[in-house]
Amino acid sequence: MTSVASDATSAGLRPPGKPAARWLILAVICLAQLTVVLDNTVLNVAIPSLTGNLGATTADVQWMINAYSLVQSGLLLIAGNSADRYGRKKMLLVGLALFGAASLGAALAQSPGQLIAARAGMGIGGALLVTTTLAVVMQIFDDQERPRAIGIWSSVNSLGFAAGPLIGGALLDHFWWGSLFLVNLPVAVASLAAVAVLVPESTSRGERLSPAGAAPAERAPVDLPGALLSMIGMVGVVFAIISGPLHGWRSGQVLVSAAVGVAGLAVFTLWELRVPHPMLDMHFFRNRRFIGAVSGGILVAFGMGGSMFLLTQHLQLVLGYGPLDAGLRMAPLAVTVVLVNFTGLGARLIRRYGTPAMIVSGMSLLAAGLAVVSLLGGTGYGGMLSGLVVMGVGVAFAMPTMANAIMSAIPPAKAGVGAGVNGTLMEFGQGLGVAVLGAVLNSRFAALLPLVAAGAGSLPAALARTRTDAERSAVHDAFASGIGTSQLVGAAAVFLGGLLAAVLLRRAERDGADAARPAPPAGAQPAAAAAE
């Protein structure tokens, strides 16, 4: 056995789980991941076209946009569990096929109902892609290369968020609205072929790594109640977060949805603690490393989601840019993230300084960038630009480090579930950032409104009540102050979250080092006592 292993090594063969084409595989799955992220934002620029061509109402448009994210967020844990059980390559292929077929259906839709159904189908495929792509990264890269690979994978999220409105606007300038979805087809087909040829298969039973002739471990029964409860809980919470800014946080629709979601997640937790074969092992939450990574991940997503929500309004409603110009001016953030991660700078710094230090540094930079935008970006784009670059460096440091910490705290056999947890945290954190910082913005805006516009629930409504230039200027100043205050609140939350995550991770590393240290021989005296 030893001679065979040495012969394989001398022949230049790589060990299982580290295929020679791993960087090419990463490029393929990042391309698939990019289409998923793009479709989270690309439809926003097509609202006028959808309203005119399909006769869509405001409610129809809301469901066209939200059906995708609702279905995707509700199925992330289920998709990750399915990938672990049935094979990550297999589920990646299924996700690509579903996403491509649903994209074709969306492009050919003739009514709002058809487009909503197609978008829901895309959400199913998207959930499988988000979880399996990260699980494959964990499978094919070793500990040394994994931080850089995850950095590249995570930078696709920032790139897709910034590029979505720009690509959508360019397509709509030359083609009809269905082209937004039709462009997914060649990507899906090419990715299907590449994944089928290049990506190795793996499951939680470890068939690829089991000895020749060994029988695979018995498969645990499917946790159907857990799957249903997780879906109900996540869809309820995410729907409440999405609907809050539109219908009001105290509306019956939002309160009922939030109550159903919270109750569903609470019952899901209780069920998973008692069932013999849980979909998500709740004992992970006893791991300090996992808790630290989870808390930090939520706060990074909180800062990103909330800041993007505020920045778009800042650029359009305070500085007066149009949607496309605003998108272009937000691009430096995404470009900075991509440059830092693709050069491997973050991965090198993680190896040198460790995970806790990188999390503190990244989240401190993200907080500092938010503060710079708040304090220097109120009157022009110059101050905002410097803040966006600082935020980009912070995101590039913190987000891949968080993802790597979460995935490293979960056994490799549960890589799909770990990816589902990571994706769920991102969805929850981003929605929470929009909800909390949006509430701070509205509260500050309402408190500073001039008497003539008192009680107005939005900037357009307040401006409609004004009669003079002075009143309009006062309303604009109130909104700009609300934006600045909410950005500072977000900066403080991100900074404190970084400190908390770093402390928990540092304790976890110290506890792990103490546990790994060999115990002294029986009867041996401590060094200090022996010296006496």
Protein backbone atom coordinates (compact mmCIF):
# COMPACT_ATOMS: atom_id res chain seq x y z
CA MET A 1 0.00 0.00 0.00
CA THR A 2 2.83 2.39 0.91
CA SER A 3 4.70 1.70 -2.33
CA VAL A 4 1.58 2.34 -4.39
CA ALA A 5 1.04 5.66 -2.65
CA SER A 6 4.64 6.69 -3.16
CA ASP A 7 4.52 5.67 -6.81
CA ALA A 8 1.42 7.81 -7.30
CA THR A 9 3.11 10.75 -5.64
CA SER A 10 6.30 10.38 -7.66
CA ALA A 11 4.25 10.18 -10.84
CA GLY A 12 2.83 13.63 -10.10
CA LEU A 13 -0.69 12.44 -9.37
CA ARG A 14 -2.73 14.58 -6.99
CA PRO A 15 -4.51 13.09 -3.98
CA PRO A 16 -8.26 12.54 -4.10
CA GLY A 17 -10.19 15.78 -3.57
CA LYS A 18 -7.51 17.90 -5.30
CA PRO A 19 -7.93 17.41 -9.07
CA ALA A 20 -5.39 18.92 -11.43
CA ALA A 21 -8.08 21.00 -13.16
CA ARG A 22 -9.34 22.52 -9.92
CA TRP A 23 -8.79 26.16 -10.97
CA LEU A 24 -10.64 25.51 -14.22
CA ILE A 25 -13.44 23.91 -12.21
CA LEU A 26 -13.52 27.01 -10.01
CA ALA A 27 -13.89 29.21 -13.08
CA VAL A 28 -16.83 27.10 -14.28
CA ILE A 29 -18.70 27.14 -10.99
CA CYS A 30 -18.02 30.86 -10.52
CA LEU A 31 -19.60 31.50 -13.91
CA ALA A 32 -22.66 29.51 -12.83
CA GLN A 33 -22.73 31.38 -9.51
CA LEU A 34 -22.53 34.72 -11.33
CA THR A 35 -25.74 34.06 -13.25
CA VAL A 36 -27.54 33.30 -9.97
CA VAL A 37 -26.39 36.56 -8.37
CA LEU A 38 -27.14 38.62 -11.47
CA ASP A 39 -30.74 37.47 -11.49
CA ASN A 40 -31.19 38.85 -7.96
CA THR A 41 -30.79 42.41 -9.28
CA VAL A 42 -31.09 42.44 -13.06
CA LEU A 43 -34.89 42.58 -13.15
CA ASN A 44 -35.12 45.90 -11.31
CA VAL A 45 -34.23 47.89 -14.44
CA ALA A 46 -36.92 46.11 -16.50
CA ILE A 47 -39.93 47.22 -14.40
CA PRO A 48 -41.18 49.79 -16.97
CA SER A 49 -40.89 47.24 -19.80
CA LEU A 50 -42.70 44.55 -17.83
CA THR A 51 -45.48 46.93 -16.90
CA GLY A 52 -46.00 47.96 -20.53
CA ASN A 53 -45.49 44.68 -22.36
CA LEU A 54 -47.12 42.24 -19.96
CA GLY A 55 -49.67 44.56 -18.42
CA ALA A 56 -48.21 43.84 -14.97
CA THR A 57 -49.64 45.56 -11.92
CA THR A 58 -47.52 46.84 -9.04
CA ALA A 59 -48.30 43.65 -7.10
CA ASP A 60 -47.33 41.52 -10.14
CA VAL A 61 -43.99 43.30 -10.45
CA GLN A 62 -43.31 42.81 -6.75
CA TRP A 63 -43.91 39.06 -7.07
CA MET A 64 -41.83 38.85 -10.27
CA ILE A 65 -38.87 40.28 -8.38
CA ASN A 66 -39.41 38.55 -5.04
CA ALA A 67 -40.48 35.05 -6.17
CA TYR A 68 -36.86 34.30 -7.06
CA SER A 69 -35.32 35.35 -3.73
CA LEU A 70 -38.15 33.90 -1.63
CA VAL A 71 -37.92 30.44 -3.16
CA GLN A 72 -34.13 30.47 -3.14
CA SER A 73 -33.83 31.51 0.51
CA GLY A 74 -36.47 28.99 1.59
CA LEU A 75 -34.68 26.08 -0.07
CA LEU A 76 -31.02 26.75 0.78
CA LEU A 77 -30.80 24.32 3.71
CA ILE A 78 -32.81 21.69 1.84
CA ALA A 79 -30.61 22.08 -1.24
CA GLY A 80 -27.43 21.75 0.82
CA ASN A 81 -28.73 18.64 2.55
CA SER A 82 -29.73 17.11 -0.79
CA ALA A 83 -26.26 17.76 -2.18
CA ASP A 84 -24.65 15.94 0.76
CA ARG A 85 -27.04 12.99 0.48
CA TYR A 86 -27.29 12.43 -3.26
CA GLY A 87 -24.05 13.90 -4.60
CA ARG A 88 -22.79 17.45 -5.02
CA LYS A 89 -21.94 17.04 -8.68
CA LYS A 90 -25.35 15.50 -9.37
CA MET A 91 -27.20 18.33 -7.62
CA LEU A 92 -25.02 20.91 -9.38
CA LEU A 93 -26.06 19.43 -12.72
CA VAL A 94 -29.71 19.39 -11.65
CA GLY A 95 -29.45 23.01 -10.51
CA LEU A 96 -27.94 24.13 -13.82
CA ALA A 97 -30.59 22.28 -15.81
CA LEU A 98 -33.44 23.75 -13.75
CA PHE A 99 -31.98 27.23 -13.88
CA GLY A 100 -31.52 27.09 -17.64
CA ALA A 101 -35.00 25.66 -18.31
CA ALA A 102 -36.66 28.21 -16.02
CA SER A 103 -34.68 31.04 -17.66
CA LEU A 104 -36.02 29.95 -21.06
CA GLY A 105 -39.53 29.88 -19.61
CA ALA A 106 -39.06 33.40 -18.21
CA ALA A 107 -37.82 34.74 -21.56
CA LEU A 108 -40.85 33.30 -23.37
CA ALA A 109 -43.45 34.26 -20.72
CA GLN A 110 -46.62 35.83 -22.11
CA SER A 111 -48.28 36.85 -18.82
CA PRO A 112 -47.27 38.01 -15.35
CA GLY A 113 -48.31 34.65 -13.87
CA GLN A 114 -46.04 32.73 -16.26
CA LEU A 115 -43.08 34.97 -15.45
CA ILE A 116 -43.66 34.64 -11.70
CA ALA A 117 -43.75 30.83 -12.02
CA ALA A 118 -40.58 30.85 -14.11
CA ARG A 119 -38.82 33.06 -11.58
CA ALA A 120 -39.81 30.63 -8.81
CA GLY A 121 -38.30 27.80 -10.87
CA MET A 122 -35.12 29.80 -11.26
CA GLY A 123 -35.08 30.16 -7.47
CA ILE A 124 -35.08 26.37 -7.07
CA GLY A 125 -32.13 26.04 -9.43
CA GLY A 126 -30.41 28.99 -7.76
CA ALA A 127 -30.64 27.38 -4.31
CA LEU A 128 -28.96 24.24 -5.64
CA LEU A 129 -26.23 26.25 -7.36
CA VAL A 130 -25.43 28.47 -4.37
CA THR A 131 -24.96 25.48 -2.06
CA THR A 132 -23.27 23.02 -4.42
CA THR A 133 -20.74 25.49 -5.85
CA LEU A 134 -19.34 26.30 -2.40
CA ALA A 135 -19.45 22.63 -1.37
CA VAL A 136 -17.43 21.72 -4.49
CA VAL A 137 -14.86 24.40 -3.60
CA MET A 138 -14.48 22.77 -0.18
CA GLN A 139 -14.11 19.39 -1.87
CA ILE A 140 -11.44 20.13 -4.48
CA PHE A 141 -9.13 22.58 -2.66
CA ASP A 142 -6.88 21.77 0.27
CA ASP A 143 -6.45 23.89 3.41
CA GLN A 144 -3.65 25.95 1.89
CA GLU A 145 -5.44 26.92 -1.34
CA ARG A 146 -9.00 27.07 0.01
CA PRO A 147 -8.95 30.64 1.38
CA ARG A 148 -7.99 32.05 -2.02
CA ALA A 149 -10.54 29.86 -3.81
CA ILE A 150 -13.32 30.94 -1.44
CA GLY A 151 -12.21 34.55 -1.86
CA ILE A 152 -12.64 34.28 -5.62
CA TRP A 153 -15.98 32.51 -5.20
CA SER A 154 -17.30 35.15 -2.80
CA SER A 155 -16.12 38.06 -4.96
CA VAL A 156 -18.56 36.83 -7.60
CA ASN A 157 -21.40 37.92 -5.28
CA SER A 158 -20.13 41.50 -5.18
CA LEU A 159 -19.46 41.53 -8.91
CA GLY A 160 -22.93 40.22 -9.71
CA PHE A 161 -24.64 42.72 -7.45
CA ALA A 162 -22.89 45.67 -9.11
CA ALA A 163 -23.06 44.32 -12.66
CA GLY A 164 -26.75 43.31 -12.61
CA PRO A 165 -28.27 46.76 -13.24
CA LEU A 166 -25.53 47.66 -15.73
CA ILE A 167 -25.94 44.50 -17.80
CA GLY A 168 -29.72 44.78 -17.59
CA GLY A 169 -29.65 48.38 -18.78
CA ALA A 170 -27.33 47.56 -21.68
CA LEU A 171 -29.51 44.65 -22.84
CA LEU A 172 -32.71 46.68 -22.63
CA ASP A 173 -31.15 49.42 -24.74
CA HIS A 174 -30.80 46.96 -27.65
CA PHE A 175 -33.20 44.03 -27.06
CA TRP A 176 -36.55 43.15 -25.48
CA TRP A 177 -36.94 42.37 -21.80
CA GLY A 178 -36.76 38.59 -22.37
CA SER A 179 -33.07 38.95 -23.27
CA LEU A 180 -32.37 39.42 -19.54
CA PHE A 181 -33.12 35.72 -19.08
CA LEU A 182 -32.11 34.37 -22.48
CA VAL A 183 -28.44 35.18 -21.82
CA ASN A 184 -28.48 32.55 -19.06
CA LEU A 185 -28.94 29.72 -21.54
CA PRO A 186 -25.46 29.57 -23.12
CA VAL A 187 -23.92 29.88 -19.64
CA ALA A 188 -26.08 27.02 -18.32
CA VAL A 189 -25.33 24.77 -21.31
CA ALA A 190 -21.57 25.42 -21.22
CA SER A 191 -21.47 24.91 -17.44
CA LEU A 192 -23.42 21.65 -17.72
CA ALA A 193 -20.87 20.24 -20.16
CA ALA A 194 -17.89 21.43 -18.12
CA VAL A 195 -19.27 20.15 -14.80
CA ALA A 196 -20.11 16.75 -16.31
CA VAL A 197 -16.52 16.34 -17.54
CA LEU A 198 -14.43 18.05 -14.85
CA VAL A 199 -16.11 17.99 -11.45
CA PRO A 200 -15.60 14.88 -9.28
CA GLU A 201 -18.54 13.44 -7.37
CA SER A 202 -18.76 13.33 -3.59
CA THR A 203 -21.45 12.71 -0.98
CA SER A 204 -21.68 12.69 2.81
CA ARG A 205 -21.02 8.94 2.67
CA GLY A 206 -17.62 9.57 1.12
CA GLU A 207 -17.80 7.10 -1.79
CA ARG A 208 -14.82 8.75 -3.51
CA LEU A 209 -12.61 8.27 -0.49
CA SER A 210 -13.75 4.84 0.70
CA PRO A 211 -11.43 1.84 0.17
CA ALA A 212 -11.93 -0.22 -2.94
CA GLY A 213 -14.73 -2.70 -2.50
CA ALA A 214 -15.98 -1.18 0.77
CA ALA A 215 -19.72 -0.83 1.12
CA PRO A 216 -21.00 2.72 1.51
CA ALA A 217 -22.43 3.72 4.86
CA GLU A 218 -26.15 3.30 5.34
CA ARG A 219 -28.05 6.41 4.31
CA ALA A 220 -30.01 8.15 7.08
CA PRO A 221 -33.73 8.72 6.51
CA VAL A 222 -34.86 12.00 4.98
CA ASP A 223 -35.87 14.64 7.53
CA LEU A 224 -39.07 15.75 5.76
CA PRO A 225 -40.58 17.66 8.74
CA GLY A 226 -37.31 19.53 9.20
CA ALA A 227 -37.22 20.43 5.50
CA LEU A 228 -40.79 21.72 5.60
CA LEU A 229 -40.28 23.71 8.80
CA SER A 230 -37.05 25.32 7.55
CA MET A 231 -38.78 26.38 4.34
CA ILE A 232 -41.79 27.86 6.17
CA GLY A 233 -39.55 29.70 8.62
CA MET A 234 -37.17 31.20 6.08
CA VAL A 235 -39.86 32.18 3.58
CA GLY A 236 -41.91 33.83 6.34
CA VAL A 237 -38.99 35.86 7.70
CA VAL A 238 -37.62 36.87 4.30
CA PHE A 239 -41.08 37.83 3.00
CA ALA A 240 -41.61 40.05 6.05
CA ILE A 241 -38.24 41.73 5.49
CA ILE A 242 -38.97 42.27 1.78
CA SER A 243 -42.50 43.57 2.38
CA GLY A 244 -41.68 45.84 5.34
CA PRO A 245 -40.33 48.84 3.40
CA LEU A 246 -43.22 48.65 0.92
CA HIS A 247 -46.24 48.02 3.18
CA GLY A 248 -44.95 49.34 6.51
CA TRP A 249 -43.43 47.38 9.36
CA ARG A 250 -46.64 47.49 11.40
CA SER A 251 -48.92 46.27 8.61
CA GLY A 252 -50.85 43.06 9.17
CA GLN A 253 -49.21 41.38 6.18
CA VAL A 254 -45.71 41.97 7.53
CA LEU A 255 -46.53 41.09 11.15
CA VAL A 256 -48.31 37.85 10.23
CA SER A 257 -45.51 36.80 7.88
CA ALA A 258 -42.87 37.55 10.52
CA ALA A 259 -44.80 35.66 13.19
CA VAL A 260 -45.19 32.61 10.94
CA GLY A 261 -41.50 32.73 10.03
CA VAL A 262 -40.25 33.05 13.60
CA ALA A 263 -42.59 30.31 14.80
CA GLY A 264 -41.51 28.04 11.97
CA LEU A 265 -37.82 28.53 12.78
CA ALA A 266 -38.45 27.98 16.50
CA VAL A 267 -40.30 24.70 15.87
CA PHE A 268 -37.59 23.72 13.35
CA THR A 269 -34.94 24.19 16.04
CA LEU A 270 -36.85 22.11 18.59
CA TRP A 271 -37.46 19.37 16.02
CA GLU A 272 -33.83 19.22 14.92
CA LEU A 273 -32.72 18.88 18.54
CA ARG A 274 -34.90 15.80 19.05
CA VAL A 275 -34.92 13.94 15.74
CA PRO A 276 -32.31 11.11 15.45
CA HIS A 277 -31.12 12.19 11.99
CA PRO A 278 -31.50 16.00 11.76
CA MET A 279 -31.15 17.96 8.54
CA LEU A 280 -29.10 20.56 10.45
CA ASP A 281 -27.24 19.35 13.52
CA MET A 282 -27.95 22.02 16.15
CA HIS A 283 -24.92 20.89 18.13
CA PHE A 284 -22.84 22.90 15.63
CA PHE A 285 -24.03 25.94 17.58
CA ARG A 286 -22.10 24.73 20.63
CA ASN A 287 -18.89 25.19 18.65
CA ARG A 288 -17.36 28.58 19.48
CA ARG A 289 -15.66 28.75 16.11
CA PHE A 290 -18.97 28.18 14.37
CA ILE A 291 -20.78 30.73 16.58
CA GLY A 292 -18.07 33.33 15.97
CA ALA A 293 -18.18 32.81 12.23
CA VAL A 294 -21.99 32.86 12.18
CA SER A 295 -22.24 36.08 14.20
CA GLY A 296 -19.62 37.78 12.06
CA GLY A 297 -21.20 36.51 8.84
CA ILE A 298 -24.58 37.97 9.78
CA LEU A 299 -23.00 41.33 10.61
CA VAL A 300 -20.97 41.48 7.38
CA ALA A 301 -24.12 40.72 5.40
CA PHE A 302 -25.99 43.24 7.57
CA GLY A 303 -23.48 45.94 6.65
CA MET A 304 -23.43 45.03 2.98
CA GLY A 305 -27.21 44.73 2.56
CA GLY A 306 -27.98 47.85 4.55
CA SER A 307 -25.25 49.93 2.95
CA MET A 308 -26.28 48.97 -0.59
CA PHE A 309 -29.87 49.91 0.24
CA LEU A 310 -28.72 53.29 1.57
CA LEU A 311 -26.14 53.97 -1.14
CA THR A 312 -28.61 53.57 -3.99
CA GLN A 313 -30.95 56.09 -2.34
CA HIS A 314 -28.02 58.37 -1.48
CA LEU A 315 -26.85 58.50 -5.09
CA GLN A 316 -30.29 58.89 -6.64
CA LEU A 317 -32.29 60.91 -4.12
CA VAL A 318 -29.55 62.99 -2.48
CA LEU A 319 -26.96 63.46 -5.23
CA GLY A 320 -29.49 63.28 -8.08
CA TYR A 321 -28.04 60.53 -10.34
CA GLY A 322 -30.23 58.34 -12.54
CA PRO A 323 -30.43 54.55 -11.98
CA LEU A 324 -27.75 53.64 -14.55
CA ASP A 325 -25.39 56.44 -13.43
CA ALA A 326 -25.91 55.39 -9.81
CA GLY A 327 -25.02 51.81 -10.70
CA LEU A 328 -21.83 52.92 -12.42
CA ARG A 329 -20.81 54.97 -9.40
CA MET A 330 -21.27 52.02 -7.07
CA ALA A 331 -19.07 49.81 -9.24
CA PRO A 332 -15.75 50.77 -7.52
CA LEU A 333 -16.83 48.79 -4.45
CA ALA A 334 -17.28 45.59 -6.46
CA VAL A 335 -14.14 46.21 -8.53
CA THR A 336 -12.08 46.60 -5.34
CA VAL A 337 -13.45 43.33 -3.93
CA VAL A 338 -12.63 41.49 -7.15
CA LEU A 339 -9.10 42.89 -7.40
CA VAL A 340 -8.20 42.07 -3.79
CA ASN A 341 -9.55 38.51 -3.98
CA PHE A 342 -8.27 37.62 -7.44
CA THR A 343 -4.74 38.72 -6.54
CA GLY A 344 -4.85 36.42 -3.51
CA LEU A 345 -3.95 39.22 -1.08
CA GLY A 346 -6.61 38.24 1.43
CA ALA A 347 -5.60 34.56 1.37
CA ARG A 348 -1.95 35.44 2.03
CA LEU A 349 -2.90 37.69 4.93
CA ILE A 350 -5.12 34.98 6.47
CA ARG A 351 -2.18 32.55 6.52
CA ARG A 352 0.06 35.20 8.07
CA TYR A 353 -2.21 36.83 10.66
CA GLY A 354 -5.00 34.28 11.24
CA THR A 355 -8.76 34.32 10.98
CA PRO A 356 -9.64 36.54 14.00
CA ALA A 357 -7.23 39.29 12.94
CA MET A 358 -8.56 39.26 9.38
CA ILE A 359 -12.14 39.47 10.59
CA VAL A 360 -11.38 42.45 12.84
CA SER A 361 -9.45 44.17 10.05
CA GLY A 362 -12.05 43.50 7.38
CA MET A 363 -15.06 44.53 9.42
CA SER A 364 -13.25 47.60 10.79
CA LEU A 365 -12.47 48.70 7.23
CA LEU A 366 -16.08 48.07 6.19
CA ALA A 367 -17.26 50.19 9.13
CA ALA A 368 -14.71 52.91 8.35
CA GLY A 369 -15.84 53.00 4.72
CA LEU A 370 -19.47 53.41 5.78
CA ALA A 371 -18.46 56.25 8.11
CA VAL A 372 -16.48 57.97 5.34
CA VAL A 373 -19.47 57.77 2.98
CA SER A 374 -21.69 59.20 5.70
CA LEU A 375 -19.38 62.07 6.67
CA LEU A 376 -17.80 63.00 3.32
CA GLY A 377 -20.29 61.83 0.69
CA GLY A 378 -23.21 64.09 1.51
CA THR A 379 -22.38 66.84 -0.97
CA GLY A 380 -20.50 65.08 -3.78
CA TYR A 381 -19.23 61.82 -5.22
CA GLY A 382 -15.54 62.37 -4.36
CA GLY A 383 -15.91 61.60 -0.66
CA MET A 384 -18.20 58.67 -1.42
CA LEU A 385 -15.68 57.16 -3.85
CA SER A 386 -12.97 56.91 -1.20
CA GLY A 387 -15.45 55.32 1.20
CA LEU A 388 -16.51 52.75 -1.42
CA VAL A 389 -12.91 51.69 -2.00
CA VAL A 390 -12.29 51.27 1.75
CA MET A 391 -15.54 49.29 2.04
CA GLY A 392 -14.44 47.07 -0.85
CA VAL A 393 -11.16 46.18 0.86
CA GLY A 394 -13.05 45.41 4.06
CA VAL A 395 -15.56 43.16 2.32
CA ALA A 396 -12.75 41.38 0.44
CA PHE A 397 -11.00 40.64 3.75
CA ALA A 398 -14.01 39.76 5.89
CA MET A 399 -16.50 37.91 3.69
CA PRO A 400 -14.25 35.06 2.40
CA THR A 401 -12.73 34.69 5.87
CA MET A 402 -16.21 34.29 7.37
CA ALA A 403 -17.25 31.75 4.75
CA ASN A 404 -14.05 29.75 5.26
CA ALA A 405 -14.52 29.83 9.04
CA ILE A 406 -18.13 28.61 8.79
CA MET A 407 -17.26 25.82 6.38
CA SER A 408 -14.18 24.78 8.37
CA ALA A 409 -16.24 24.46 11.55
CA ILE A 410 -18.57 21.92 9.91
CA PRO A 411 -17.46 18.34 9.10
CA PRO A 412 -16.56 17.82 5.41
CA ALA A 413 -19.39 15.30 5.10
CA LYS A 414 -21.81 18.19 5.74
CA ALA A 415 -20.25 20.63 3.26
CA GLY A 416 -23.56 21.11 1.45
CA VAL A 417 -25.40 21.90 4.68
CA GLY A 418 -22.57 24.28 5.60
CA ALA A 419 -22.98 26.07 2.29
CA GLY A 420 -26.72 26.24 2.94
CA VAL A 421 -26.07 27.80 6.35
CA ASN A 422 -23.69 30.31 4.78
CA GLY A 423 -26.23 31.25 2.11
CA THR A 424 -29.04 31.50 4.66
CA LEU A 425 -26.94 33.81 6.84
CA MET A 426 -26.25 36.04 3.85
CA GLU A 427 -29.95 36.27 2.98
CA PHE A 428 -30.95 36.90 6.60
CA GLY A 429 -28.17 39.41 7.29
CA GLN A 430 -28.80 41.43 4.16
CA GLY A 431 -32.53 41.57 4.83
CA LEU A 432 -31.91 42.53 8.45
CA GLY A 433 -29.57 45.32 7.33
CA VAL A 434 -32.23 46.75 5.02
CA ALA A 435 -34.89 46.50 7.74
CA VAL A 436 -32.91 48.01 10.62
CA LEU A 437 -31.05 50.74 8.74
CA GLY A 438 -34.18 51.56 6.76
CA ALA A 439 -36.06 52.02 10.05
CA VAL A 440 -33.30 54.33 11.36
CA LEU A 441 -33.47 56.34 8.12
CA ASN A 442 -37.26 56.72 8.31
CA SER A 443 -37.20 57.67 12.00
CA ARG A 444 -34.53 60.34 11.54
CA PHE A 445 -36.17 61.66 8.36
CA ALA A 446 -39.56 61.98 10.06
CA ALA A 447 -38.05 63.76 13.07
CA LEU A 448 -36.33 66.42 10.93
CA LEU A 449 -39.13 67.15 8.45
CA PRO A 450 -40.42 70.73 8.38
CA LEU A 451 -43.92 71.27 9.72
CA VAL A 452 -45.48 71.51 6.27
CA ALA A 453 -44.38 67.94 5.43
CA ALA A 454 -44.83 66.40 8.88
CA GLY A 455 -46.16 62.85 8.75
CA ALA A 456 -45.04 62.15 5.17
CA GLY A 457 -43.82 58.57 4.83
CA SER A 458 -41.35 59.05 1.99
CA LEU A 459 -39.24 61.69 0.25
CA PRO A 460 -41.60 62.04 -2.77
CA ALA A 461 -44.62 62.36 -0.45
CA ALA A 462 -42.86 65.02 1.61
CA LEU A 463 -41.79 66.98 -1.47
CA ALA A 464 -45.37 66.92 -2.79
CA ARG A 465 -46.47 68.91 0.26
CA THR A 466 -43.90 71.67 -0.11
CA ARG A 467 -44.64 75.05 -1.70
CA THR A 468 -41.36 76.95 -1.65
CA ASP A 469 -37.73 76.28 -2.49
CA ALA A 470 -36.80 76.66 1.16
CA GLU A 471 -39.26 73.97 2.17
CA ARG A 472 -38.02 71.61 -0.53
CA SER A 473 -34.43 72.23 0.57
CA ALA A 474 -35.37 71.46 4.17
CA VAL A 475 -36.98 68.17 3.11
CA HIS A 476 -33.88 67.17 1.11
CA ASP A 477 -31.65 68.06 4.05
CA ALA A 478 -33.80 65.94 6.37
CA PHE A 479 -33.51 62.94 4.06
CA ALA A 480 -29.74 63.40 3.64
CA SER A 481 -29.35 63.58 7.43
CA GLY A 482 -31.40 60.40 7.79
CA ILE A 483 -29.15 58.63 5.29
CA GLY A 484 -26.01 59.78 7.10
CA THR A 485 -27.27 58.75 10.53
CA SER A 486 -28.32 55.29 9.39
CA GLN A 487 -24.93 54.76 7.72
CA LEU A 488 -23.18 55.62 11.00
CA VAL A 489 -25.44 53.20 12.89
CA GLY A 490 -24.53 50.51 10.36
CA ALA A 491 -20.83 51.29 10.75
CA ALA A 492 -21.05 50.94 14.55
CA ALA A 493 -22.94 47.64 14.30
CA VAL A 494 -20.42 46.17 11.84
CA PHE A 495 -17.43 47.26 13.94
CA LEU A 496 -18.85 45.82 17.17
CA GLY A 497 -19.83 42.65 15.34
CA GLY A 498 -16.27 42.25 14.11
CA LEU A 499 -14.92 42.53 17.65
CA LEU A 500 -17.44 39.96 18.91
CA ALA A 501 -16.69 37.47 16.13
CA ALA A 502 -12.94 37.85 16.59
CA VAL A 503 -13.14 37.30 20.37
CA LEU A 504 -15.23 34.14 19.93
CA LEU A 505 -12.93 32.77 17.24
CA ARG A 506 -9.80 33.58 19.26
CA ARG A 507 -11.24 31.71 22.26
CA ALA A 508 -12.17 28.78 20.03
CA GLU A 509 -8.61 28.63 18.65
CA ARG A 510 -7.15 28.81 22.16
CA ASP A 511 -9.47 26.08 23.44
CA GLY A 512 -8.55 23.92 20.44
CA ALA A 513 -4.85 24.43 21.11
CA ASP A 514 -5.29 23.53 24.79
CA ALA A 515 -7.22 20.38 23.87
CA ALA A 516 -4.56 19.34 21.37
CA ARG A 517 -1.70 19.81 23.89
CA PRO A 518 -0.64 16.40 25.31
CA ALA A 519 -1.35 15.81 28.98
CA PRO A 520 1.65 15.44 31.34
CA PRO A 521 2.58 11.88 32.39
CA ALA A 522 0.77 10.47 35.44
CA GLY A 523 2.45 11.61 38.64
CA ALA A 524 4.54 14.25 36.94
CA GLN A 525 4.89 17.57 38.78
CA PRO A 526 4.41 20.93 37.06
CA ALA A 527 7.61 22.62 36.02
CA ALA A 528 7.26 25.34 38.67
CA ALA A 529 6.85 22.78 41.46
CA ALA A 530 9.82 20.75 40.25
CA ALA A 531 11.97 23.87 40.28
CA GLU A 532 11.17 24.40 43.95
